């Protein structure tokens, strides 16, 4: 990726490229790349049309990316400069909605109350603009906390586990499959 970043003249800005600090549910403790572009259009162009990125980075050895890794690749739009050093972030990919009625009807209202209480700042909570490779057009959540410790503590809290996730009265895995990772800004 380094060569592409240099050739992009500042358009491609990796802001996090490391394993998560914590994982939950079906989260995977593998490198999580968060890359910022000046606009949604430039992000889509880089991934789908820019031969320097696509062939130069992904298929440099002449084989499709799917032959090398399985990636849930989602392109989202959020405000510039959202990631702050020292803050903690939840990155949550919905992989499958199993019981949509319970998730939307019971969990989401409890989640909205949790957010309204000031527990975190939500930068994104909807399907991505585009999903590629093993990505899904299912909701992706990007939530900010004042520190990495605050993000981990919130995920382990009764307020989140009992009041939000417990709102439907059934285990999370019976409603949704999520890749839940926590990273530090």
C-alpha atoms as a PDB file:
ATOM      1  CA  UNK A   1       0.000   0.000   0.000  1.00  0.00           C
ATOM      2  CA  UNK A   2       2.925   2.345   0.718  1.00  0.00           C
ATOM      3  CA  UNK A   3       3.744   2.913  -2.952  1.00  0.00           C
ATOM      4  CA  UNK A   4       0.132   3.684  -3.791  1.00  0.00           C
ATOM      5  CA  UNK A   5      -0.088   6.152  -0.899  1.00  0.00           C
ATOM      6  CA  UNK A   6       2.997   7.984  -2.168  1.00  0.00           C
ATOM      7  CA  UNK A   7       1.742   8.031  -5.774  1.00  0.00           C
ATOM      8  CA  UNK A   8      -1.666   9.349  -4.703  1.00  0.00           C
ATOM      9  CA  UNK A   9      -0.225  12.768  -3.743  1.00  0.00           C
ATOM     10  CA  UNK A  10      -2.111  12.850  -0.450  1.00  0.00           C
ATOM     11  CA  UNK A  11      -5.460  11.653  -1.789  1.00  0.00           C
ATOM     12  CA  UNK A  12      -5.146   8.246  -0.102  1.00  0.00           C
ATOM     13  CA  UNK A  13      -4.621   8.737   3.638  1.00  0.00           C
ATOM     14  CA  UNK A  14      -4.298   5.598   5.793  1.00  0.00           C
ATOM     15  CA  UNK A  15      -5.435   6.582   9.279  1.00  0.00           C
ATOM     16  CA  UNK A  16      -5.378   3.162  10.912  1.00  0.00           C
ATOM     17  CA  UNK A  17      -3.676  -0.012   9.733  1.00  0.00           C
ATOM     18  CA  UNK A  18      -3.258  -2.441  12.625  1.00  0.00           C
ATOM     19  CA  UNK A  19      -5.008  -5.282  14.424  1.00  0.00           C
ATOM     20  CA  UNK A  20      -7.885  -4.136  16.649  1.00  0.00           C
ATOM     21  CA  UNK A  21      -7.265  -3.612  20.359  1.00  0.00           C
ATOM     22  CA  UNK A  22     -10.308  -5.768  21.226  1.00  0.00           C
ATOM     23  CA  UNK A  23     -12.793  -7.974  19.359  1.00  0.00           C
ATOM     24  CA  UNK A  24     -16.274  -9.221  20.261  1.00  0.00           C
ATOM     25  CA  UNK A  25     -18.894 -11.545  18.833  1.00  0.00           C
ATOM     26  CA  UNK A  26     -17.539 -12.771  15.481  1.00  0.00           C
ATOM     27  CA  UNK A  27     -14.855 -10.068  15.350  1.00  0.00           C
ATOM     28  CA  UNK A  28     -11.510 -11.044  13.880  1.00  0.00           C
ATOM     29  CA  UNK A  29      -8.216  -9.923  15.367  1.00  0.00           C
ATOM     30  CA  UNK A  30      -6.573  -9.220  11.999  1.00  0.00           C
ATOM     31  CA  UNK A  31      -5.290  -6.020  10.457  1.00  0.00           C
ATOM     32  CA  UNK A  32      -8.074  -3.487  10.112  1.00  0.00           C
ATOM     33  CA  UNK A  33      -7.457  -0.842   7.479  1.00  0.00           C
ATOM     34  CA  UNK A  34      -9.188   2.528   7.748  1.00  0.00           C
ATOM     35  CA  UNK A  35      -8.335   4.761   4.805  1.00  0.00           C
ATOM     36  CA  UNK A  36      -9.605   8.289   4.243  1.00  0.00           C
ATOM     37  CA  UNK A  37     -10.133   9.958   0.872  1.00  0.00           C
ATOM     38  CA  UNK A  38     -11.148  13.592   0.247  1.00  0.00           C
ATOM     39  CA  UNK A  39     -14.528  12.478  -1.118  1.00  0.00           C
ATOM     40  CA  UNK A  40     -16.757   9.473  -1.549  1.00  0.00           C
ATOM     41  CA  UNK A  41     -16.276   9.656  -5.329  1.00  0.00           C
ATOM     42  CA  UNK A  42     -12.478   9.517  -4.974  1.00  0.00           C
ATOM     43  CA  UNK A  43     -12.708   6.496  -2.662  1.00  0.00           C
ATOM     44  CA  UNK A  44     -14.956   4.646  -5.109  1.00  0.00           C
ATOM     45  CA  UNK A  45     -12.735   5.610  -8.053  1.00  0.00           C
ATOM     46  CA  UNK A  46      -9.562   4.448  -6.280  1.00  0.00           C
ATOM     47  CA  UNK A  47     -11.020   1.051  -5.445  1.00  0.00           C
ATOM     48  CA  UNK A  48     -12.906   0.358  -8.665  1.00  0.00           C
ATOM     49  CA  UNK A  49     -11.191   2.245 -11.497  1.00  0.00           C
ATOM     50  CA  UNK A  50      -7.695   3.394 -10.535  1.00  0.00           C
ATOM     51  CA  UNK A  51      -5.327   0.833 -12.055  1.00  0.00           C
ATOM     52  CA  UNK A  52      -2.522   2.022  -9.767  1.00  0.00           C
ATOM     53  CA  UNK A  53      -4.562   0.858  -6.785  1.00  0.00           C
ATOM     54  CA  UNK A  54      -6.376  -2.117  -8.186  1.00  0.00           C
ATOM     55  CA  UNK A  55      -3.627  -3.792 -10.194  1.00  0.00           C
ATOM     56  CA  UNK A  56      -0.739  -2.165  -8.351  1.00  0.00           C
ATOM     57  CA  UNK A  57      -1.863  -3.033  -4.847  1.00  0.00           C
ATOM     58  CA  UNK A  58      -4.488  -5.738  -4.953  1.00  0.00           C
ATOM     59  CA  UNK A  59      -3.511  -7.817  -7.968  1.00  0.00           C
ATOM     60  CA  UNK A  60       0.211  -7.067  -8.205  1.00  0.00           C
ATOM     61  CA  UNK A  61       1.004 -10.777  -8.420  1.00  0.00           C
ATOM     62  CA  UNK A  62      -1.523 -11.333 -11.231  1.00  0.00           C
ATOM     63  CA  UNK A  63      -4.144 -13.143  -9.156  1.00  0.00           C
ATOM     64  CA  UNK A  64      -7.515 -11.857  -7.939  1.00  0.00           C
ATOM     65  CA  UNK A  65      -7.679 -10.607  -4.364  1.00  0.00           C
ATOM     66  CA  UNK A  66     -10.163 -13.364  -3.513  1.00  0.00           C
ATOM     67  CA  UNK A  67      -7.335 -15.903  -4.033  1.00  0.00           C
ATOM     68  CA  UNK A  68      -5.265 -14.218  -1.295  1.00  0.00           C
ATOM     69  CA  UNK A  69      -7.540 -12.967   1.470  1.00  0.00           C
ATOM     70  CA  UNK A  70     -11.173 -12.668   2.459  1.00  0.00           C
ATOM     71  CA  UNK A  71     -12.001  -9.024   3.092  1.00  0.00           C
ATOM     72  CA  UNK A  72     -15.235  -7.335   4.037  1.00  0.00           C
ATOM     73  CA  UNK A  73     -14.575  -4.182   2.024  1.00  0.00           C
ATOM     74  CA  UNK A  74     -17.089  -1.384   2.588  1.00  0.00           C
ATOM     75  CA  UNK A  75     -16.918   2.221   1.430  1.00  0.00           C
ATOM     76  CA  UNK A  76     -18.753   4.664   3.697  1.00  0.00           C
ATOM     77  CA  UNK A  77     -19.117   8.420   3.831  1.00  0.00           C
ATOM     78  CA  UNK A  78     -18.475  10.381   7.023  1.00  0.00           C
ATOM     79  CA  UNK A  79     -17.147  13.817   7.935  1.00  0.00           C
ATOM     80  CA  UNK A  80     -13.475  14.620   7.378  1.00  0.00           C
ATOM     81  CA  UNK A  81     -11.167  14.444  10.381  1.00  0.00           C
ATOM     82  CA  UNK A  82     -13.459  12.193  12.417  1.00  0.00           C
ATOM     83  CA  UNK A  83     -10.641  10.101  13.908  1.00  0.00           C
ATOM     84  CA  UNK A  84      -8.919  11.728  16.872  1.00  0.00           C
ATOM     85  CA  UNK A  85      -5.655  10.537  18.456  1.00  0.00           C
ATOM     86  CA  UNK A  86      -6.196   8.746  21.760  1.00  0.00           C
ATOM     87  CA  UNK A  87      -9.923   8.189  21.216  1.00  0.00           C
ATOM     88  CA  UNK A  88     -11.466   4.720  21.027  1.00  0.00           C
ATOM     89  CA  UNK A  89     -13.686   3.574  18.161  1.00  0.00           C
ATOM     90  CA  UNK A  90     -16.156   0.784  17.668  1.00  0.00           C
ATOM     91  CA  UNK A  91     -16.127  -0.552  14.098  1.00  0.00           C
ATOM     92  CA  UNK A  92     -19.070  -2.911  13.732  1.00  0.00           C
ATOM     93  CA  UNK A  93     -19.869  -4.759  10.518  1.00  0.00           C
ATOM     94  CA  UNK A  94     -23.265  -6.469  10.343  1.00  0.00           C
ATOM     95  CA  UNK A  95     -22.608  -9.717   8.479  1.00  0.00           C
ATOM     96  CA  UNK A  96     -26.116 -11.199   8.685  1.00  0.00           C
ATOM     97  CA  UNK A  97     -29.526 -10.161  10.031  1.00  0.00           C
ATOM     98  CA  UNK A  98     -31.073 -13.329  11.456  1.00  0.00           C
ATOM     99  CA  UNK A  99     -34.068 -11.896  13.360  1.00  0.00           C
ATOM    100  CA  UNK A 100     -34.610  -8.502  11.776  1.00  0.00           C
ATOM    101  CA  UNK A 101     -37.834  -7.814  13.700  1.00  0.00           C
ATOM    102  CA  UNK A 102     -36.165  -8.199  17.113  1.00  0.00           C
ATOM    103  CA  UNK A 103     -33.048  -6.296  16.038  1.00  0.00           C
ATOM    104  CA  UNK A 104     -34.865  -3.352  14.443  1.00  0.00           C
ATOM    105  CA  UNK A 105     -37.906  -3.317  16.729  1.00  0.00           C
ATOM    106  CA  UNK A 106     -36.257  -3.853  20.117  1.00  0.00           C
ATOM    107  CA  UNK A 107     -32.485  -3.433  19.975  1.00  0.00           C
ATOM    108  CA  UNK A 108     -32.366  -0.311  17.807  1.00  0.00           C
ATOM    109  CA  UNK A 109     -34.730   1.765  20.012  1.00  0.00           C
ATOM    110  CA  UNK A 110     -32.615   0.798  23.055  1.00  0.00           C
ATOM    111  CA  UNK A 111     -29.477   1.735  21.061  1.00  0.00           C
ATOM    112  CA  UNK A 112     -30.962   5.145  20.230  1.00  0.00           C
ATOM    113  CA  UNK A 113     -31.606   5.779  23.939  1.00  0.00           C
ATOM    114  CA  UNK A 114     -28.030   4.713  24.719  1.00  0.00           C
ATOM    115  CA  UNK A 115     -26.613   7.158  22.159  1.00  0.00           C
ATOM    116  CA  UNK A 116     -28.977   9.944  23.317  1.00  0.00           C
ATOM    117  CA  UNK A 117     -27.580   9.503  26.849  1.00  0.00           C
ATOM    118  CA  UNK A 118     -24.202  10.730  25.551  1.00  0.00           C
ATOM    119  CA  UNK A 119     -22.537   7.312  25.721  1.00  0.00           C
ATOM    120  CA  UNK A 120     -20.814   7.777  22.354  1.00  0.00           C
ATOM    121  CA  UNK A 121     -20.792   9.787  19.146  1.00  0.00           C
ATOM    122  CA  UNK A 122     -22.089   7.906  16.113  1.00  0.00           C
ATOM    123  CA  UNK A 123     -20.300   8.864  12.898  1.00  0.00           C
ATOM    124  CA  UNK A 124     -21.986   6.263  10.698  1.00  0.00           C
ATOM    125  CA  UNK A 125     -24.824   3.766  11.175  1.00  0.00           C
ATOM    126  CA  UNK A 126     -26.313   2.562   7.920  1.00  0.00           C
ATOM    127  CA  UNK A 127     -25.422   0.366   4.970  1.00  0.00           C
ATOM    128  CA  UNK A 128     -22.256   1.361   3.113  1.00  0.00           C
ATOM    129  CA  UNK A 129     -22.235   3.328  -0.116  1.00  0.00           C
ATOM    130  CA  UNK A 130     -20.568   0.319  -1.753  1.00  0.00           C
ATOM    131  CA  UNK A 131     -19.543  -3.186  -0.699  1.00  0.00           C
ATOM    132  CA  UNK A 132     -16.853  -5.192  -2.486  1.00  0.00           C
ATOM    133  CA  UNK A 133     -15.182  -8.578  -2.200  1.00  0.00           C
ATOM    134  CA  UNK A 134     -16.853 -10.232   0.822  1.00  0.00           C
ATOM    135  CA  UNK A 135     -18.492  -6.963   1.918  1.00  0.00           C
ATOM    136  CA  UNK A 136     -22.223  -6.825   2.563  1.00  0.00           C
ATOM    137  CA  UNK A 137     -24.740  -4.075   1.930  1.00  0.00           C
ATOM    138  CA  UNK A 138     -25.726  -4.316   5.581  1.00  0.00           C
ATOM    139  CA  UNK A 139     -25.277  -1.669   8.285  1.00  0.00           C
ATOM    140  CA  UNK A 140     -21.831  -0.574   9.383  1.00  0.00           C
ATOM    141  CA  UNK A 141     -21.436   1.344  12.653  1.00  0.00           C
ATOM    142  CA  UNK A 142     -18.614   3.744  13.454  1.00  0.00           C
ATOM    143  CA  UNK A 143     -18.849   5.042  17.033  1.00  0.00           C
ATOM    144  CA  UNK A 144     -16.427   7.279  18.959  1.00  0.00           C
ATOM    145  CA  UNK A 145     -15.518   7.242  22.651  1.00  0.00           C
ATOM    146  CA  UNK A 146     -13.189   9.629  24.556  1.00  0.00           C
ATOM    147  CA  UNK A 147     -10.487   6.939  24.927  1.00  0.00           C
ATOM    148  CA  UNK A 148      -9.666   3.339  24.061  1.00  0.00           C
ATOM    149  CA  UNK A 149     -10.401   2.371  27.678  1.00  0.00           C
ATOM    150  CA  UNK A 150     -13.791   4.111  27.507  1.00  0.00           C
ATOM    151  CA  UNK A 151     -14.639   2.220  24.297  1.00  0.00           C
ATOM    152  CA  UNK A 152     -13.722  -1.145  25.826  1.00  0.00           C
ATOM    153  CA  UNK A 153     -15.435  -0.341  29.142  1.00  0.00           C
ATOM    154  CA  UNK A 154     -18.599   0.707  27.283  1.00  0.00           C
ATOM    155  CA  UNK A 155     -18.650  -2.546  25.314  1.00  0.00           C
ATOM    156  CA  UNK A 156     -18.327  -4.511  28.566  1.00  0.00           C
ATOM    157  CA  UNK A 157     -20.844  -2.382  30.503  1.00  0.00           C
ATOM    158  CA  UNK A 158     -24.253  -3.416  31.797  1.00  0.00           C
ATOM    159  CA  UNK A 159     -25.696  -0.348  30.076  1.00  0.00           C
ATOM    160  CA  UNK A 160     -24.711  -1.787  26.715  1.00  0.00           C
ATOM    161  CA  UNK A 161     -24.964  -5.529  27.340  1.00  0.00           C
ATOM    162  CA  UNK A 162     -28.140  -5.610  29.423  1.00  0.00           C
ATOM    163  CA  UNK A 163     -29.999  -2.424  28.496  1.00  0.00           C
ATOM    164  CA  UNK A 164     -29.214  -2.388  24.757  1.00  0.00           C
ATOM    165  CA  UNK A 165     -28.324  -5.931  23.689  1.00  0.00           C
ATOM    166  CA  UNK A 166     -30.667  -7.434  26.278  1.00  0.00           C
ATOM    167  CA  UNK A 167     -33.679  -5.415  25.121  1.00  0.00           C
ATOM    168  CA  UNK A 168     -35.005  -8.249  22.958  1.00  0.00           C
ATOM    169  CA  UNK A 169     -34.606 -10.891  25.658  1.00  0.00           C
ATOM    170  CA  UNK A 170     -32.508 -13.212  23.508  1.00  0.00           C
ATOM    171  CA  UNK A 171     -28.815 -13.700  22.720  1.00  0.00           C
ATOM    172  CA  UNK A 172     -27.277 -11.432  20.087  1.00  0.00           C
ATOM    173  CA  UNK A 173     -26.243 -14.379  17.899  1.00  0.00           C
ATOM    174  CA  UNK A 174     -29.927 -15.304  17.496  1.00  0.00           C
ATOM    175  CA  UNK A 175     -30.621 -11.882  15.969  1.00  0.00           C
ATOM    176  CA  UNK A 176     -27.504 -10.806  14.104  1.00  0.00           C
ATOM    177  CA  UNK A 177     -23.964 -11.813  13.188  1.00  0.00           C
ATOM    178  CA  UNK A 178     -21.542  -8.919  13.707  1.00  0.00           C
ATOM    179  CA  UNK A 179     -17.812  -8.433  13.339  1.00  0.00           C
ATOM    180  CA  UNK A 180     -17.199  -6.103  16.295  1.00  0.00           C
ATOM    181  CA  UNK A 181     -13.752  -4.495  16.612  1.00  0.00           C
ATOM    182  CA  UNK A 182     -12.377  -1.722  18.797  1.00  0.00           C
ATOM    183  CA  UNK A 183      -9.478   0.398  17.541  1.00  0.00           C
ATOM    184  CA  UNK A 184      -7.579   3.388  18.885  1.00  0.00           C
ATOM    185  CA  UNK A 185      -7.296   6.691  17.053  1.00  0.00           C
END
